């Protein structure tokens, strides 16, 4: 596989996952009650537990995004 193809792949992965991370973060910031109401219909969960799960999800998603998308893309840009 060529470096240009890998760079393009990681560029699009970074863009798509970055948009998803921003969208999810904005949704949690501006509509937390709506998200809680929707999720509590499906899963019996307290508000405190829900807040902890959502905060943990966003933190893990951000770490995985940085480690598996952004870092390889920057590394490929550097060696290219």
N, C-alpha and C. Protein backbone atom coordinates (compact mmCIF):
# COMPACT_ATOMS: atom_id res chain seq x y z
N UNK A 1 0.84 -1.17 0.00
CA UNK A 1 0.00 0.00 0.00
C UNK A 1 0.90 1.24 0.00
N UNK A 2 0.51 2.23 -0.76
CA UNK A 2 1.31 3.44 -0.88
C UNK A 2 1.05 4.40 0.28
N UNK A 3 2.04 5.21 0.58
CA UNK A 3 1.92 6.18 1.67
C UNK A 3 0.82 7.19 1.37
N UNK A 4 0.66 7.56 0.12
CA UNK A 4 -0.39 8.52 -0.24
C UNK A 4 -1.78 7.96 0.06
N UNK A 5 -1.96 6.68 -0.22
CA UNK A 5 -3.25 6.04 0.06
C UNK A 5 -3.51 5.98 1.56
N UNK A 6 -2.50 5.62 2.33
CA UNK A 6 -2.64 5.58 3.79
C UNK A 6 -2.92 6.97 4.35
N UNK A 7 -2.23 7.96 3.82
CA UNK A 7 -2.44 9.33 4.30
C UNK A 7 -3.87 9.78 4.02
N UNK A 8 -4.36 9.48 2.84
CA UNK A 8 -5.74 9.84 2.49
C UNK A 8 -6.74 9.09 3.38
N UNK A 9 -6.47 7.81 3.61
CA UNK A 9 -7.34 7.02 4.48
C UNK A 9 -7.40 7.62 5.88
N UNK A 10 -6.25 7.91 6.48
CA UNK A 10 -6.24 8.46 7.83
C UNK A 10 -6.79 9.88 7.87
N UNK A 11 -6.64 10.63 6.78
CA UNK A 11 -7.22 11.96 6.73
C UNK A 11 -8.74 11.87 6.84
N UNK A 12 -9.35 10.98 6.04
CA UNK A 12 -10.80 10.84 6.07
C UNK A 12 -11.29 10.23 7.38
N UNK A 13 -10.53 9.30 7.94
CA UNK A 13 -10.90 8.75 9.26
C UNK A 13 -10.88 9.84 10.32
N UNK A 14 -9.87 10.70 10.26
CA UNK A 14 -9.76 11.79 11.21
C UNK A 14 -10.90 12.78 11.05
N UNK A 15 -11.24 13.11 9.82
CA UNK A 15 -12.34 14.05 9.57
C UNK A 15 -13.67 13.48 10.05
N UNK A 16 -13.97 12.25 9.66
CA UNK A 16 -15.26 11.64 10.02
C UNK A 16 -15.37 11.45 11.53
N UNK A 17 -14.34 10.89 12.15
CA UNK A 17 -14.41 10.67 13.59
C UNK A 17 -14.34 11.97 14.38
N UNK A 18 -13.63 12.98 13.86
CA UNK A 18 -13.60 14.28 14.51
C UNK A 18 -14.96 14.95 14.49
N UNK A 19 -15.65 14.86 13.36
CA UNK A 19 -17.01 15.40 13.27
C UNK A 19 -17.94 14.66 14.22
N UNK A 20 -17.81 13.35 14.28
CA UNK A 20 -18.64 12.56 15.19
C UNK A 20 -18.37 12.93 16.65
N UNK A 21 -17.10 13.13 17.00
CA UNK A 21 -16.75 13.53 18.37
C UNK A 21 -17.31 14.90 18.70
N UNK A 22 -17.18 15.85 17.79
CA UNK A 22 -17.71 17.19 18.02
C UNK A 22 -19.24 17.16 18.12
N UNK A 23 -19.89 16.44 17.23
CA UNK A 23 -21.35 16.33 17.25
C UNK A 23 -21.83 15.73 18.57
N UNK A 24 -21.21 14.65 19.00
CA UNK A 24 -21.60 14.00 20.24
C UNK A 24 -21.37 14.92 21.43
N UNK A 25 -20.23 15.61 21.44
CA UNK A 25 -19.94 16.53 22.54
C UNK A 25 -20.95 17.66 22.59
N UNK A 26 -21.28 18.24 21.45
CA UNK A 26 -22.26 19.33 21.41
C UNK A 26 -23.63 18.84 21.85
N UNK A 27 -23.99 17.64 21.44
CA UNK A 27 -25.27 17.07 21.84
C UNK A 27 -25.33 16.89 23.35
N UNK A 28 -24.25 16.42 23.94
CA UNK A 28 -24.20 16.21 25.39
C UNK A 28 -24.21 17.55 26.12
N UNK A 29 -23.57 18.56 25.56
CA UNK A 29 -23.52 19.87 26.20
C UNK A 29 -24.87 20.58 26.13
N UNK A 30 -25.51 20.57 24.96
CA UNK A 30 -26.70 21.37 24.75
C UNK A 30 -28.02 20.63 24.93
N UNK A 31 -28.01 19.31 24.96
CA UNK A 31 -29.26 18.56 25.11
C UNK A 31 -29.10 17.36 26.04
N UNK A 32 -28.53 17.54 27.24
CA UNK A 32 -28.33 16.37 28.10
C UNK A 32 -29.64 15.77 28.62
N UNK A 33 -30.64 16.60 28.86
CA UNK A 33 -31.91 16.07 29.35
C UNK A 33 -32.62 15.23 28.29
N UNK A 34 -32.57 15.68 27.05
CA UNK A 34 -33.18 14.92 25.95
C UNK A 34 -32.51 13.55 25.81
N UNK A 35 -31.18 13.53 25.85
CA UNK A 35 -30.44 12.27 25.73
C UNK A 35 -30.78 11.34 26.90
N UNK A 36 -30.83 11.92 28.11
CA UNK A 36 -31.14 11.10 29.28
C UNK A 36 -32.54 10.51 29.17
N UNK A 37 -33.52 11.32 28.75
CA UNK A 37 -34.89 10.81 28.61
C UNK A 37 -34.96 9.68 27.58
N UNK A 38 -34.26 9.85 26.47
CA UNK A 38 -34.27 8.80 25.44
C UNK A 38 -33.63 7.51 25.94
N UNK A 39 -32.50 7.63 26.60
CA UNK A 39 -31.79 6.44 27.06
C UNK A 39 -32.48 5.78 28.25
N UNK A 40 -33.09 6.58 29.11
CA UNK A 40 -33.74 5.98 30.29
C UNK A 40 -35.01 5.23 29.91
N UNK A 41 -35.54 5.48 28.72
CA UNK A 41 -36.67 4.68 28.25
C UNK A 41 -36.23 3.26 27.92
N UNK A 42 -35.02 3.10 27.44
CA UNK A 42 -34.50 1.79 27.05
C UNK A 42 -33.78 1.07 28.18
N UNK A 43 -33.04 1.84 28.98
CA UNK A 43 -32.22 1.26 30.04
C UNK A 43 -32.54 1.95 31.35
N UNK A 44 -32.88 1.18 32.39
CA UNK A 44 -33.13 1.81 33.70
C UNK A 44 -31.80 2.25 34.32
N UNK A 45 -31.55 3.54 34.32
CA UNK A 45 -30.29 4.08 34.81
C UNK A 45 -30.57 5.39 35.54
N UNK A 46 -29.85 5.60 36.63
CA UNK A 46 -30.01 6.85 37.37
C UNK A 46 -29.29 7.98 36.64
N UNK A 47 -29.65 9.20 36.98
CA UNK A 47 -29.04 10.36 36.32
C UNK A 47 -27.55 10.45 36.61
N UNK A 48 -27.15 10.15 37.85
CA UNK A 48 -25.72 10.19 38.19
C UNK A 48 -24.93 9.15 37.41
N UNK A 49 -25.48 7.95 37.31
CA UNK A 49 -24.81 6.90 36.53
C UNK A 49 -24.75 7.27 35.06
N UNK A 50 -25.81 7.87 34.55
CA UNK A 50 -25.84 8.30 33.16
C UNK A 50 -24.75 9.34 32.90
N UNK A 51 -24.63 10.31 33.78
CA UNK A 51 -23.60 11.34 33.62
C UNK A 51 -22.21 10.73 33.62
N UNK A 52 -21.98 9.77 34.50
CA UNK A 52 -20.68 9.11 34.57
C UNK A 52 -20.40 8.33 33.29
N UNK A 53 -21.38 7.62 32.79
CA UNK A 53 -21.21 6.83 31.56
C UNK A 53 -20.93 7.74 30.37
N UNK A 54 -21.68 8.82 30.24
CA UNK A 54 -21.50 9.74 29.12
C UNK A 54 -20.14 10.41 29.19
N UNK A 55 -19.73 10.85 30.37
CA UNK A 55 -18.42 11.48 30.53
C UNK A 55 -17.30 10.48 30.20
N UNK A 56 -17.44 9.25 30.66
CA UNK A 56 -16.44 8.22 30.37
C UNK A 56 -16.40 7.91 28.88
N UNK A 57 -17.56 7.83 28.25
CA UNK A 57 -17.64 7.57 26.81
C UNK A 57 -16.91 8.65 26.02
N UNK A 58 -17.19 9.92 26.34
CA UNK A 58 -16.55 11.00 25.62
C UNK A 58 -15.03 11.00 25.84
N UNK A 59 -14.61 10.73 27.05
CA UNK A 59 -13.17 10.67 27.33
C UNK A 59 -12.49 9.54 26.58
N UNK A 60 -13.08 8.37 26.58
CA UNK A 60 -12.51 7.23 25.87
C UNK A 60 -12.51 7.46 24.36
N UNK A 61 -13.59 8.02 23.85
CA UNK A 61 -13.68 8.30 22.42
C UNK A 61 -12.61 9.31 22.00
N UNK A 62 -12.38 10.32 22.84
CA UNK A 62 -11.36 11.32 22.52
C UNK A 62 -9.97 10.71 22.52
N UNK A 63 -9.68 9.86 23.50
CA UNK A 63 -8.36 9.21 23.57
C UNK A 63 -8.17 8.29 22.36
N UNK A 64 -9.18 7.49 22.04
CA UNK A 64 -9.07 6.59 20.89
C UNK A 64 -8.95 7.36 19.59
N UNK A 65 -9.67 8.47 19.48
CA UNK A 65 -9.58 9.32 18.29
C UNK A 65 -8.16 9.87 18.13
N UNK A 66 -7.61 10.38 19.20
CA UNK A 66 -6.25 10.94 19.13
C UNK A 66 -5.22 9.87 18.83
N UNK A 67 -5.36 8.71 19.45
CA UNK A 67 -4.36 7.65 19.33
C UNK A 67 -4.43 6.91 18.00
N UNK A 68 -5.65 6.61 17.54
CA UNK A 68 -5.80 5.77 16.35
C UNK A 68 -6.10 6.52 15.06
N UNK A 69 -6.44 7.81 15.15
CA UNK A 69 -6.75 8.57 13.93
C UNK A 69 -5.79 9.72 13.72
N UNK A 70 -5.74 10.62 14.69
CA UNK A 70 -4.96 11.85 14.50
C UNK A 70 -3.46 11.60 14.53
N UNK A 71 -2.97 10.82 15.47
CA UNK A 71 -1.53 10.56 15.57
C UNK A 71 -0.98 9.85 14.32
N UNK A 72 -1.62 8.80 13.81
CA UNK A 72 -1.10 8.19 12.58
C UNK A 72 -1.15 9.14 11.38
N UNK A 73 -2.19 9.96 11.31
CA UNK A 73 -2.30 10.91 10.20
C UNK A 73 -1.16 11.93 10.25
N UNK A 74 -0.87 12.46 11.43
CA UNK A 74 0.23 13.42 11.57
C UNK A 74 1.56 12.75 11.27
N UNK A 75 1.74 11.53 11.74
CA UNK A 75 2.99 10.80 11.47
C UNK A 75 3.18 10.58 9.97
N UNK A 76 2.11 10.24 9.28
CA UNK A 76 2.21 10.05 7.83
C UNK A 76 2.49 11.37 7.11
N UNK A 77 1.95 12.46 7.61
CA UNK A 77 2.25 13.75 7.02
C UNK A 77 3.72 14.12 7.22
N UNK A 78 4.27 13.76 8.36
CA UNK A 78 5.67 14.07 8.66
C UNK A 78 6.62 13.28 7.76
N UNK A 79 6.35 11.97 7.57
CA UNK A 79 7.28 11.16 6.78
C UNK A 79 7.05 11.28 5.29
N UNK A 80 5.99 11.88 4.88
CA UNK A 80 5.65 12.00 3.47
C UNK A 80 6.48 13.00 2.79
